[in-house]
mmCIF file of all heavy atoms, coordinates in Angstrom:
data_MODEL
# 
_entry.id   MODEL 
# 
loop_
_atom_site.group_PDB 
_atom_site.id 
_atom_site.type_symbol 
_atom_site.label_atom_id 
_atom_site.label_alt_id 
_atom_site.label_comp_id 
_atom_site.label_asym_id 
_atom_site.label_entity_id 
_atom_site.label_seq_id 
_atom_site.pdbx_PDB_ins_code 
_atom_site.Cartn_x 
_atom_site.Cartn_y 
_atom_site.Cartn_z 
_atom_site.occupancy 
_atom_site.B_iso_or_equiv 
_atom_site.pdbx_formal_charge 
_atom_site.auth_seq_id 
_atom_site.auth_comp_id 
_atom_site.auth_asym_id 
_atom_site.auth_atom_id 
_atom_site.pdbx_PDB_model_num 
ATOM 1   N N   . ASN A 1 1  ? 86.208 -16.744 122.051 1.00 0.00 ? 1  ASN A N   1 
ATOM 2   C CA  . ASN A 1 1  ? 86.612 -15.358 122.386 1.00 0.00 ? 1  ASN A CA  1 
ATOM 3   C C   . ASN A 1 1  ? 86.926 -14.624 121.123 1.00 0.00 ? 1  ASN A C   1 
ATOM 4   O O   . ASN A 1 1  ? 86.658 -13.378 121.079 1.00 0.00 ? 1  ASN A O   1 
ATOM 5   C CB  . ASN A 1 1  ? 87.766 -15.299 123.352 1.00 0.00 ? 1  ASN A CB  1 
ATOM 6   C CG  . ASN A 1 1  ? 87.386 -15.905 124.674 1.00 0.00 ? 1  ASN A CG  1 
ATOM 7   O OD1 . ASN A 1 1  ? 86.304 -15.618 125.238 1.00 0.00 ? 1  ASN A OD1 1 
ATOM 8   N ND2 . ASN A 1 1  ? 88.246 -16.542 125.393 1.00 0.00 ? 1  ASN A ND2 1 
ATOM 9   N N   . ILE A 1 2  ? 87.575 -15.263 120.202 1.00 0.00 ? 2  ILE A N   1 
ATOM 10  C CA  . ILE A 1 2  ? 87.889 -14.587 118.926 1.00 0.00 ? 2  ILE A CA  1 
ATOM 11  C C   . ILE A 1 2  ? 86.677 -14.183 118.133 1.00 0.00 ? 2  ILE A C   1 
ATOM 12  O O   . ILE A 1 2  ? 86.457 -13.068 117.647 1.00 0.00 ? 2  ILE A O   1 
ATOM 13  C CB  . ILE A 1 2  ? 88.812 -15.443 118.099 1.00 0.00 ? 2  ILE A CB  1 
ATOM 14  C CG1 . ILE A 1 2  ? 90.105 -15.608 118.794 1.00 0.00 ? 2  ILE A CG1 1 
ATOM 15  C CG2 . ILE A 1 2  ? 88.989 -14.842 116.764 1.00 0.00 ? 2  ILE A CG2 1 
ATOM 16  C CD1 . ILE A 1 2  ? 91.128 -16.418 117.910 1.00 0.00 ? 2  ILE A CD1 1 
ATOM 17  N N   . LEU A 1 3  ? 85.605 -15.107 118.178 1.00 0.00 ? 3  LEU A N   1 
ATOM 18  C CA  . LEU A 1 3  ? 84.283 -14.766 117.517 1.00 0.00 ? 3  LEU A CA  1 
ATOM 19  C C   . LEU A 1 3  ? 83.680 -13.583 118.169 1.00 0.00 ? 3  LEU A C   1 
ATOM 20  O O   . LEU A 1 3  ? 83.227 -12.745 117.411 1.00 0.00 ? 3  LEU A O   1 
ATOM 21  C CB  . LEU A 1 3  ? 83.423 -16.046 117.561 1.00 0.00 ? 3  LEU A CB  1 
ATOM 22  C CG  . LEU A 1 3  ? 82.059 -15.824 116.946 1.00 0.00 ? 3  LEU A CG  1 
ATOM 23  C CD1 . LEU A 1 3  ? 81.559 -17.056 116.267 1.00 0.00 ? 3  LEU A CD1 1 
ATOM 24  C CD2 . LEU A 1 3  ? 80.977 -15.334 117.971 1.00 0.00 ? 3  LEU A CD2 1 
ATOM 25  N N   . LEU A 1 4  ? 83.629 -13.577 119.556 1.00 0.00 ? 4  LEU A N   1 
ATOM 26  C CA  . LEU A 1 4  ? 83.015 -12.369 120.113 1.00 0.00 ? 4  LEU A CA  1 
ATOM 27  C C   . LEU A 1 4  ? 83.861 -11.074 119.872 1.00 0.00 ? 4  LEU A C   1 
ATOM 28  O O   . LEU A 1 4  ? 83.161 -10.062 119.643 1.00 0.00 ? 4  LEU A O   1 
ATOM 29  C CB  . LEU A 1 4  ? 82.990 -12.680 121.710 1.00 0.00 ? 4  LEU A CB  1 
ATOM 30  C CG  . LEU A 1 4  ? 82.056 -13.792 122.162 1.00 0.00 ? 4  LEU A CG  1 
ATOM 31  C CD1 . LEU A 1 4  ? 82.200 -14.161 123.578 1.00 0.00 ? 4  LEU A CD1 1 
ATOM 32  C CD2 . LEU A 1 4  ? 80.640 -13.539 121.681 1.00 0.00 ? 4  LEU A CD2 1 
ATOM 33  N N   . VAL A 1 5  ? 85.155 -11.217 119.842 1.00 0.00 ? 5  VAL A N   1 
ATOM 34  C CA  . VAL A 1 5  ? 85.919 -9.939  119.509 1.00 0.00 ? 5  VAL A CA  1 
ATOM 35  C C   . VAL A 1 5  ? 85.638 -9.492  118.019 1.00 0.00 ? 5  VAL A C   1 
ATOM 36  O O   . VAL A 1 5  ? 85.341 -8.268  117.877 1.00 0.00 ? 5  VAL A O   1 
ATOM 37  C CB  . VAL A 1 5  ? 87.431 -10.186 119.730 1.00 0.00 ? 5  VAL A CB  1 
ATOM 38  C CG1 . VAL A 1 5  ? 88.202 -9.082  119.118 1.00 0.00 ? 5  VAL A CG1 1 
ATOM 39  C CG2 . VAL A 1 5  ? 87.701 -10.370 121.267 1.00 0.00 ? 5  VAL A CG2 1 
ATOM 40  N N   . ARG A 1 6  ? 85.525 -10.411 117.108 1.00 0.00 ? 6  ARG A N   1 
ATOM 41  C CA  . ARG A 1 6  ? 85.234 -9.980  115.740 1.00 0.00 ? 6  ARG A CA  1 
ATOM 42  C C   . ARG A 1 6  ? 83.834 -9.470  115.635 1.00 0.00 ? 6  ARG A C   1 
ATOM 43  O O   . ARG A 1 6  ? 83.692 -8.513  114.888 1.00 0.00 ? 6  ARG A O   1 
ATOM 44  C CB  . ARG A 1 6  ? 85.358 -11.272 114.850 1.00 0.00 ? 6  ARG A CB  1 
ATOM 45  C CG  . ARG A 1 6  ? 86.737 -11.948 114.836 1.00 0.00 ? 6  ARG A CG  1 
ATOM 46  C CD  . ARG A 1 6  ? 87.603 -11.236 113.789 1.00 0.00 ? 6  ARG A CD  1 
ATOM 47  N NE  . ARG A 1 6  ? 89.041 -11.897 113.631 1.00 0.00 ? 6  ARG A NE  1 
ATOM 48  C CZ  . ARG A 1 6  ? 89.159 -12.879 112.862 1.00 0.00 ? 6  ARG A CZ  1 
ATOM 49  N NH1 . ARG A 1 6  ? 88.193 -13.405 112.141 1.00 0.00 ? 6  ARG A NH1 1 
ATOM 50  N NH2 . ARG A 1 6  ? 90.418 -13.449 112.817 1.00 0.00 ? 6  ARG A NH2 1 
ATOM 51  N N   . LEU A 1 7  ? 82.849 -10.041 116.368 1.00 0.00 ? 7  LEU A N   1 
ATOM 52  C CA  . LEU A 1 7  ? 81.554 -9.534  116.305 1.00 0.00 ? 7  LEU A CA  1 
ATOM 53  C C   . LEU A 1 7  ? 81.483 -8.099  116.816 1.00 0.00 ? 7  LEU A C   1 
ATOM 54  O O   . LEU A 1 7  ? 80.879 -7.194  116.341 1.00 0.00 ? 7  LEU A O   1 
ATOM 55  C CB  . LEU A 1 7  ? 80.603 -10.442 117.167 1.00 0.00 ? 7  LEU A CB  1 
ATOM 56  C CG  . LEU A 1 7  ? 79.144 -10.031 117.301 1.00 0.00 ? 7  LEU A CG  1 
ATOM 57  C CD1 . LEU A 1 7  ? 78.522 -9.889  115.896 1.00 0.00 ? 7  LEU A CD1 1 
ATOM 58  C CD2 . LEU A 1 7  ? 78.389 -11.002 118.138 1.00 0.00 ? 7  LEU A CD2 1 
ATOM 59  N N   . LYS A 1 8  ? 82.136 -7.856  118.014 1.00 0.00 ? 8  LYS A N   1 
ATOM 60  C CA  . LYS A 1 8  ? 82.160 -6.500  118.666 1.00 0.00 ? 8  LYS A CA  1 
ATOM 61  C C   . LYS A 1 8  ? 82.686 -5.516  117.655 1.00 0.00 ? 8  LYS A C   1 
ATOM 62  O O   . LYS A 1 8  ? 82.442 -4.322  117.492 1.00 0.00 ? 8  LYS A O   1 
ATOM 63  C CB  . LYS A 1 8  ? 82.916 -6.503  119.903 1.00 0.00 ? 8  LYS A CB  1 
ATOM 64  C CG  . LYS A 1 8  ? 82.156 -7.199  121.070 1.00 0.00 ? 8  LYS A CG  1 
ATOM 65  C CD  . LYS A 1 8  ? 82.956 -7.187  122.360 1.00 0.00 ? 8  LYS A CD  1 
ATOM 66  C CE  . LYS A 1 8  ? 82.171 -8.082  123.444 1.00 0.00 ? 8  LYS A CE  1 
ATOM 67  N NZ  . LYS A 1 8  ? 83.049 -8.099  124.661 1.00 0.00 ? 8  LYS A NZ  1 
ATOM 68  N N   . SER A 1 9  ? 83.827 -5.905  116.904 1.00 0.00 ? 9  SER A N   1 
ATOM 69  C CA  . SER A 1 9  ? 84.444 -4.975  115.917 1.00 0.00 ? 9  SER A CA  1 
ATOM 70  C C   . SER A 1 9  ? 83.475 -4.622  114.852 1.00 0.00 ? 9  SER A C   1 
ATOM 71  O O   . SER A 1 9  ? 83.407 -3.505  114.500 1.00 0.00 ? 9  SER A O   1 
ATOM 72  C CB  . SER A 1 9  ? 85.661 -5.761  115.377 1.00 0.00 ? 9  SER A CB  1 
ATOM 73  O OG  . SER A 1 9  ? 86.251 -4.899  114.379 1.00 0.00 ? 9  SER A OG  1 
ATOM 74  N N   . LEU A 1 10 ? 82.641 -5.607  114.338 1.00 0.00 ? 10 LEU A N   1 
ATOM 75  C CA  . LEU A 1 10 ? 81.778 -5.341  113.249 1.00 0.00 ? 10 LEU A CA  1 
ATOM 76  C C   . LEU A 1 10 ? 80.628 -4.362  113.796 1.00 0.00 ? 10 LEU A C   1 
ATOM 77  O O   . LEU A 1 10 ? 80.260 -3.425  113.144 1.00 0.00 ? 10 LEU A O   1 
ATOM 78  C CB  . LEU A 1 10 ? 81.045 -6.599  112.773 1.00 0.00 ? 10 LEU A CB  1 
ATOM 79  C CG  . LEU A 1 10 ? 82.031 -7.569  112.008 1.00 0.00 ? 10 LEU A CG  1 
ATOM 80  C CD1 . LEU A 1 10 ? 81.306 -8.813  111.516 1.00 0.00 ? 10 LEU A CD1 1 
ATOM 81  C CD2 . LEU A 1 10 ? 82.580 -6.832  110.727 1.00 0.00 ? 10 LEU A CD2 1 
ATOM 82  N N   . LEU A 1 11 ? 80.133 -4.561  114.965 1.00 0.00 ? 11 LEU A N   1 
ATOM 83  C CA  . LEU A 1 11 ? 79.193 -3.739  115.564 1.00 0.00 ? 11 LEU A CA  1 
ATOM 84  C C   . LEU A 1 11 ? 79.686 -2.353  115.845 1.00 0.00 ? 11 LEU A C   1 
ATOM 85  O O   . LEU A 1 11 ? 78.923 -1.333  115.700 1.00 0.00 ? 11 LEU A O   1 
ATOM 86  C CB  . LEU A 1 11 ? 78.730 -4.374  116.924 1.00 0.00 ? 11 LEU A CB  1 
ATOM 87  C CG  . LEU A 1 11 ? 77.843 -5.647  116.874 1.00 0.00 ? 11 LEU A CG  1 
ATOM 88  C CD1 . LEU A 1 11 ? 77.576 -6.206  118.238 1.00 0.00 ? 11 LEU A CD1 1 
ATOM 89  C CD2 . LEU A 1 11 ? 76.661 -5.496  115.899 1.00 0.00 ? 11 LEU A CD2 1 
ATOM 90  N N   . ARG A 1 12 ? 80.950 -2.217  116.228 1.00 0.00 ? 12 ARG A N   1 
ATOM 91  C CA  . ARG A 1 12 ? 81.593 -0.854  116.526 1.00 0.00 ? 12 ARG A CA  1 
ATOM 92  C C   . ARG A 1 12 ? 81.584 -0.077  115.076 1.00 0.00 ? 12 ARG A C   1 
ATOM 93  O O   . ARG A 1 12 ? 81.368 1.059   115.042 1.00 0.00 ? 12 ARG A O   1 
ATOM 94  C CB  . ARG A 1 12 ? 82.949 -1.073  117.030 1.00 0.00 ? 12 ARG A CB  1 
ATOM 95  C CG  . ARG A 1 12 ? 83.561 0.257   117.497 1.00 0.00 ? 12 ARG A CG  1 
ATOM 96  C CD  . ARG A 1 12 ? 84.805 -0.018  118.380 1.00 0.00 ? 12 ARG A CD  1 
ATOM 97  N NE  . ARG A 1 12 ? 85.758 -0.852  117.796 1.00 0.00 ? 12 ARG A NE  1 
ATOM 98  C CZ  . ARG A 1 12 ? 86.051 -2.117  118.271 1.00 0.00 ? 12 ARG A CZ  1 
ATOM 99  N NH1 . ARG A 1 12 ? 85.396 -2.504  119.286 1.00 0.00 ? 12 ARG A NH1 1 
ATOM 100 N NH2 . ARG A 1 12 ? 86.881 -2.811  117.736 1.00 0.00 ? 12 ARG A NH2 1 
ATOM 101 N N   . ARG A 1 13 ? 81.932 -0.819  114.028 1.00 0.00 ? 13 ARG A N   1 
ATOM 102 C CA  . ARG A 1 13 ? 82.018 -0.174  112.781 1.00 0.00 ? 13 ARG A CA  1 
ATOM 103 C C   . ARG A 1 13 ? 80.681 0.424   112.406 1.00 0.00 ? 13 ARG A C   1 
ATOM 104 O O   . ARG A 1 13 ? 80.522 1.416   111.843 1.00 0.00 ? 13 ARG A O   1 
ATOM 105 C CB  . ARG A 1 13 ? 82.433 -1.183  111.662 1.00 0.00 ? 13 ARG A CB  1 
ATOM 106 C CG  . ARG A 1 13 ? 83.841 -1.514  111.689 1.00 0.00 ? 13 ARG A CG  1 
ATOM 107 C CD  . ARG A 1 13 ? 84.649 -0.517  110.893 1.00 0.00 ? 13 ARG A CD  1 
ATOM 108 N NE  . ARG A 1 13 ? 85.988 -0.907  110.717 1.00 0.00 ? 13 ARG A NE  1 
ATOM 109 C CZ  . ARG A 1 13 ? 86.873 -0.499  109.835 1.00 0.00 ? 13 ARG A CZ  1 
ATOM 110 N NH1 . ARG A 1 13 ? 86.392 0.395   108.881 1.00 0.00 ? 13 ARG A NH1 1 
ATOM 111 N NH2 . ARG A 1 13 ? 88.134 -0.853  109.680 1.00 0.00 ? 13 ARG A NH2 1 
ATOM 112 N N   . THR A 1 14 ? 79.526 -0.492  112.708 1.00 0.00 ? 14 THR A N   1 
ATOM 113 C CA  . THR A 1 14 ? 78.260 -0.060  112.300 1.00 0.00 ? 14 THR A CA  1 
ATOM 114 C C   . THR A 1 14 ? 77.913 1.179   113.147 1.00 0.00 ? 14 THR A C   1 
ATOM 115 O O   . THR A 1 14 ? 77.287 2.123   112.635 1.00 0.00 ? 14 THR A O   1 
ATOM 116 C CB  . THR A 1 14 ? 77.279 -1.102  112.562 1.00 0.00 ? 14 THR A CB  1 
ATOM 117 O OG1 . THR A 1 14 ? 77.601 -2.333  111.782 1.00 0.00 ? 14 THR A OG1 1 
ATOM 118 C CG2 . THR A 1 14 ? 75.880 -0.754  112.249 1.00 0.00 ? 14 THR A CG2 1 
ATOM 119 N N   . ALA A 1 15 ? 78.207 1.177   114.384 1.00 0.00 ? 15 ALA A N   1 
ATOM 120 C CA  . ALA A 1 15 ? 77.829 2.366   115.256 1.00 0.00 ? 15 ALA A CA  1 
ATOM 121 C C   . ALA A 1 15 ? 78.619 3.643   114.694 1.00 0.00 ? 15 ALA A C   1 
ATOM 122 O O   . ALA A 1 15 ? 78.005 4.739   114.724 1.00 0.00 ? 15 ALA A O   1 
ATOM 123 C CB  . ALA A 1 15 ? 78.298 2.111   116.694 1.00 0.00 ? 15 ALA A CB  1 
ATOM 124 N N   . TRP A 1 16 ? 79.904 3.477   114.221 1.00 0.00 ? 16 TRP A N   1 
ATOM 125 C CA  . TRP A 1 16 ? 80.557 4.657   113.678 1.00 0.00 ? 16 TRP A CA  1 
ATOM 126 C C   . TRP A 1 16 ? 79.895 5.169   112.403 1.00 0.00 ? 16 TRP A C   1 
ATOM 127 O O   . TRP A 1 16 ? 79.659 6.374   112.133 1.00 0.00 ? 16 TRP A O   1 
ATOM 128 C CB  . TRP A 1 16 ? 82.033 4.266   113.313 1.00 0.00 ? 16 TRP A CB  1 
ATOM 129 C CG  . TRP A 1 16 ? 82.818 3.967   114.482 1.00 0.00 ? 16 TRP A CG  1 
ATOM 130 C CD1 . TRP A 1 16 ? 82.590 4.254   115.860 1.00 0.00 ? 16 TRP A CD1 1 
ATOM 131 C CD2 . TRP A 1 16 ? 84.177 3.462   114.493 1.00 0.00 ? 16 TRP A CD2 1 
ATOM 132 N NE1 . TRP A 1 16 ? 83.607 3.831   116.663 1.00 0.00 ? 16 TRP A NE1 1 
ATOM 133 C CE2 . TRP A 1 16 ? 84.600 3.470   115.829 1.00 0.00 ? 16 TRP A CE2 1 
ATOM 134 C CE3 . TRP A 1 16 ? 85.105 3.044   113.513 1.00 0.00 ? 16 TRP A CE3 1 
ATOM 135 C CZ2 . TRP A 1 16 ? 85.843 2.852   116.235 1.00 0.00 ? 16 TRP A CZ2 1 
ATOM 136 C CZ3 . TRP A 1 16 ? 86.317 2.554   113.909 1.00 0.00 ? 16 TRP A CZ3 1 
ATOM 137 C CH2 . TRP A 1 16 ? 86.669 2.459   115.214 1.00 0.00 ? 16 TRP A CH2 1 
ATOM 138 N N   . GLN A 1 17 ? 79.428 4.237   111.509 1.00 0.00 ? 17 GLN A N   1 
ATOM 139 C CA  . GLN A 1 17 ? 78.694 4.642   110.308 1.00 0.00 ? 17 GLN A CA  1 
ATOM 140 C C   . GLN A 1 17 ? 77.427 5.310   110.653 1.00 0.00 ? 17 GLN A C   1 
ATOM 141 O O   . GLN A 1 17 ? 77.103 6.396   110.061 1.00 0.00 ? 17 GLN A O   1 
ATOM 142 C CB  . GLN A 1 17 ? 78.443 3.419   109.440 1.00 0.00 ? 17 GLN A CB  1 
ATOM 143 C CG  . GLN A 1 17 ? 79.708 2.821   108.850 1.00 0.00 ? 17 GLN A CG  1 
ATOM 144 C CD  . GLN A 1 17 ? 79.411 1.533   108.123 1.00 0.00 ? 17 GLN A CD  1 
ATOM 145 O OE1 . GLN A 1 17 ? 78.719 1.557   107.112 1.00 0.00 ? 17 GLN A OE1 1 
ATOM 146 N NE2 . GLN A 1 17 ? 79.808 0.389   108.613 1.00 0.00 ? 17 GLN A NE2 1 
ATOM 147 N N   . ASN A 1 18 ? 76.684 4.821   111.654 1.00 0.00 ? 18 ASN A N   1 
ATOM 148 C CA  . ASN A 1 18 ? 75.346 5.439   111.987 1.00 0.00 ? 18 ASN A CA  1 
ATOM 149 C C   . ASN A 1 18 ? 75.655 6.878   112.616 1.00 0.00 ? 18 ASN A C   1 
ATOM 150 O O   . ASN A 1 18 ? 74.743 7.669   112.424 1.00 0.00 ? 18 ASN A O   1 
ATOM 151 C CB  . ASN A 1 18 ? 74.647 4.586   112.929 1.00 0.00 ? 18 ASN A CB  1 
ATOM 152 C CG  . ASN A 1 18 ? 74.200 3.266   112.330 1.00 0.00 ? 18 ASN A CG  1 
ATOM 153 O OD1 . ASN A 1 18 ? 74.117 3.217   111.111 1.00 0.00 ? 18 ASN A OD1 1 
ATOM 154 N ND2 . ASN A 1 18 ? 73.918 2.305   113.090 1.00 0.00 ? 18 ASN A ND2 1 
ATOM 155 N N   . ALA A 1 19 ? 76.753 7.116   113.198 1.00 0.00 ? 19 ALA A N   1 
ATOM 156 C CA  . ALA A 1 19 ? 77.038 8.373   113.825 1.00 0.00 ? 19 ALA A CA  1 
ATOM 157 C C   . ALA A 1 19 ? 77.584 9.405   112.867 1.00 0.00 ? 19 ALA A C   1 
ATOM 158 O O   . ALA A 1 19 ? 77.900 10.510  113.174 1.00 0.00 ? 19 ALA A O   1 
ATOM 159 C CB  . ALA A 1 19 ? 77.990 8.105   115.027 1.00 0.00 ? 19 ALA A CB  1 
ATOM 160 N N   . ALA A 1 20 ? 77.941 8.888   111.657 1.00 0.00 ? 20 ALA A N   1 
ATOM 161 C CA  . ALA A 1 20 ? 78.826 9.680   110.714 1.00 0.00 ? 20 ALA A CA  1 
ATOM 162 C C   . ALA A 1 20 ? 77.724 10.586  109.970 1.00 0.00 ? 20 ALA A C   1 
ATOM 163 O O   . ALA A 1 20 ? 77.078 10.297  109.055 1.00 0.00 ? 20 ALA A O   1 
ATOM 164 C CB  . ALA A 1 20 ? 79.507 8.869   109.672 1.00 0.00 ? 20 ALA A CB  1 
ATOM 165 N N   . THR A 1 21 ? 77.788 11.929  110.404 1.00 0.00 ? 21 THR A N   1 
ATOM 166 C CA  . THR A 1 21 ? 77.060 12.932  109.724 1.00 0.00 ? 21 THR A CA  1 
ATOM 167 C C   . THR A 1 21 ? 77.935 14.092  109.555 1.00 0.00 ? 21 THR A C   1 
ATOM 168 O O   . THR A 1 21 ? 79.038 14.119  110.297 1.00 0.00 ? 21 THR A O   1 
ATOM 169 C CB  . THR A 1 21 ? 75.839 13.448  110.564 1.00 0.00 ? 21 THR A CB  1 
ATOM 170 O OG1 . THR A 1 21 ? 76.307 14.054  111.797 1.00 0.00 ? 21 THR A OG1 1 
ATOM 171 C CG2 . THR A 1 21 ? 74.973 12.235  111.017 1.00 0.00 ? 21 THR A CG2 1 
ATOM 172 N N   . PRO A 1 22 ? 77.699 15.038  108.632 1.00 0.00 ? 22 PRO A N   1 
ATOM 173 C CA  . PRO A 1 22 ? 78.589 16.291  108.496 1.00 0.00 ? 22 PRO A CA  1 
ATOM 174 C C   . PRO A 1 22 ? 78.817 16.950  109.752 1.00 0.00 ? 22 PRO A C   1 
ATOM 175 O O   . PRO A 1 22 ? 79.865 17.512  109.965 1.00 0.00 ? 22 PRO A O   1 
ATOM 176 C CB  . PRO A 1 22 ? 77.821 17.055  107.435 1.00 0.00 ? 22 PRO A CB  1 
ATOM 177 C CG  . PRO A 1 22 ? 77.011 16.079  106.739 1.00 0.00 ? 22 PRO A CG  1 
ATOM 178 C CD  . PRO A 1 22 ? 76.524 15.129  107.681 1.00 0.00 ? 22 PRO A CD  1 
ATOM 179 N N   . GLU A 1 23 ? 77.826 16.931  110.727 1.00 0.00 ? 23 GLU A N   1 
ATOM 180 C CA  . GLU A 1 23 ? 78.061 17.686  111.936 1.00 0.00 ? 23 GLU A CA  1 
ATOM 181 C C   . GLU A 1 23 ? 78.849 16.928  113.029 1.00 0.00 ? 23 GLU A C   1 
ATOM 182 O O   . GLU A 1 23 ? 79.466 17.423  113.754 1.00 0.00 ? 23 GLU A O   1 
ATOM 183 C CB  . GLU A 1 23 ? 76.698 18.162  112.510 1.00 0.00 ? 23 GLU A CB  1 
ATOM 184 C CG  . GLU A 1 23 ? 75.850 19.059  111.648 1.00 0.00 ? 23 GLU A CG  1 
ATOM 185 C CD  . GLU A 1 23 ? 75.256 18.407  110.490 1.00 0.00 ? 23 GLU A CD  1 
ATOM 186 O OE1 . GLU A 1 23 ? 75.089 17.115  110.494 1.00 0.00 ? 23 GLU A OE1 1 
ATOM 187 O OE2 . GLU A 1 23 ? 74.922 19.113  109.518 1.00 0.00 ? 23 GLU A OE2 1 
ATOM 188 N N   . THR A 1 24 ? 78.639 15.546  112.911 1.00 0.00 ? 24 THR A N   1 
ATOM 189 C CA  . THR A 1 24 ? 79.375 14.764  113.846 1.00 0.00 ? 24 THR A CA  1 
ATOM 190 C C   . THR A 1 24 ? 80.156 13.632  113.193 1.00 0.00 ? 24 THR A C   1 
ATOM 191 O O   . THR A 1 24 ? 79.717 12.578  112.956 1.00 0.00 ? 24 THR A O   1 
ATOM 192 C CB  . THR A 1 24 ? 78.288 14.058  114.740 1.00 0.00 ? 24 THR A CB  1 
ATOM 193 O OG1 . THR A 1 24 ? 77.386 13.297  114.047 1.00 0.00 ? 24 THR A OG1 1 
ATOM 194 C CG2 . THR A 1 24 ? 77.608 15.105  115.688 1.00 0.00 ? 24 THR A CG2 1 
ATOM 195 N N   . PRO A 1 25 ? 81.408 13.913  112.809 1.00 0.00 ? 25 PRO A N   1 
ATOM 196 C CA  . PRO A 1 25 ? 82.142 12.973  112.101 1.00 0.00 ? 25 PRO A CA  1 
ATOM 197 C C   . PRO A 1 25 ? 82.427 11.788  112.903 1.00 0.00 ? 25 PRO A C   1 
ATOM 198 O O   . PRO A 1 25 ? 82.488 11.790  114.200 1.00 0.00 ? 25 PRO A O   1 
ATOM 199 C CB  . PRO A 1 25 ? 83.519 13.752  111.766 1.00 0.00 ? 25 PRO A CB  1 
ATOM 200 C CG  . PRO A 1 25 ? 83.565 14.845  112.777 1.00 0.00 ? 25 PRO A CG  1 
ATOM 201 C CD  . PRO A 1 25 ? 82.083 15.214  113.023 1.00 0.00 ? 25 PRO A CD  1 
# 
């Protein structure tokens, strides 16, 4: 369960980075 939580956290970070544009922080 800890592995799955850590994995989801990393994927969430990636999603935030991909969404990070000047128009959509």
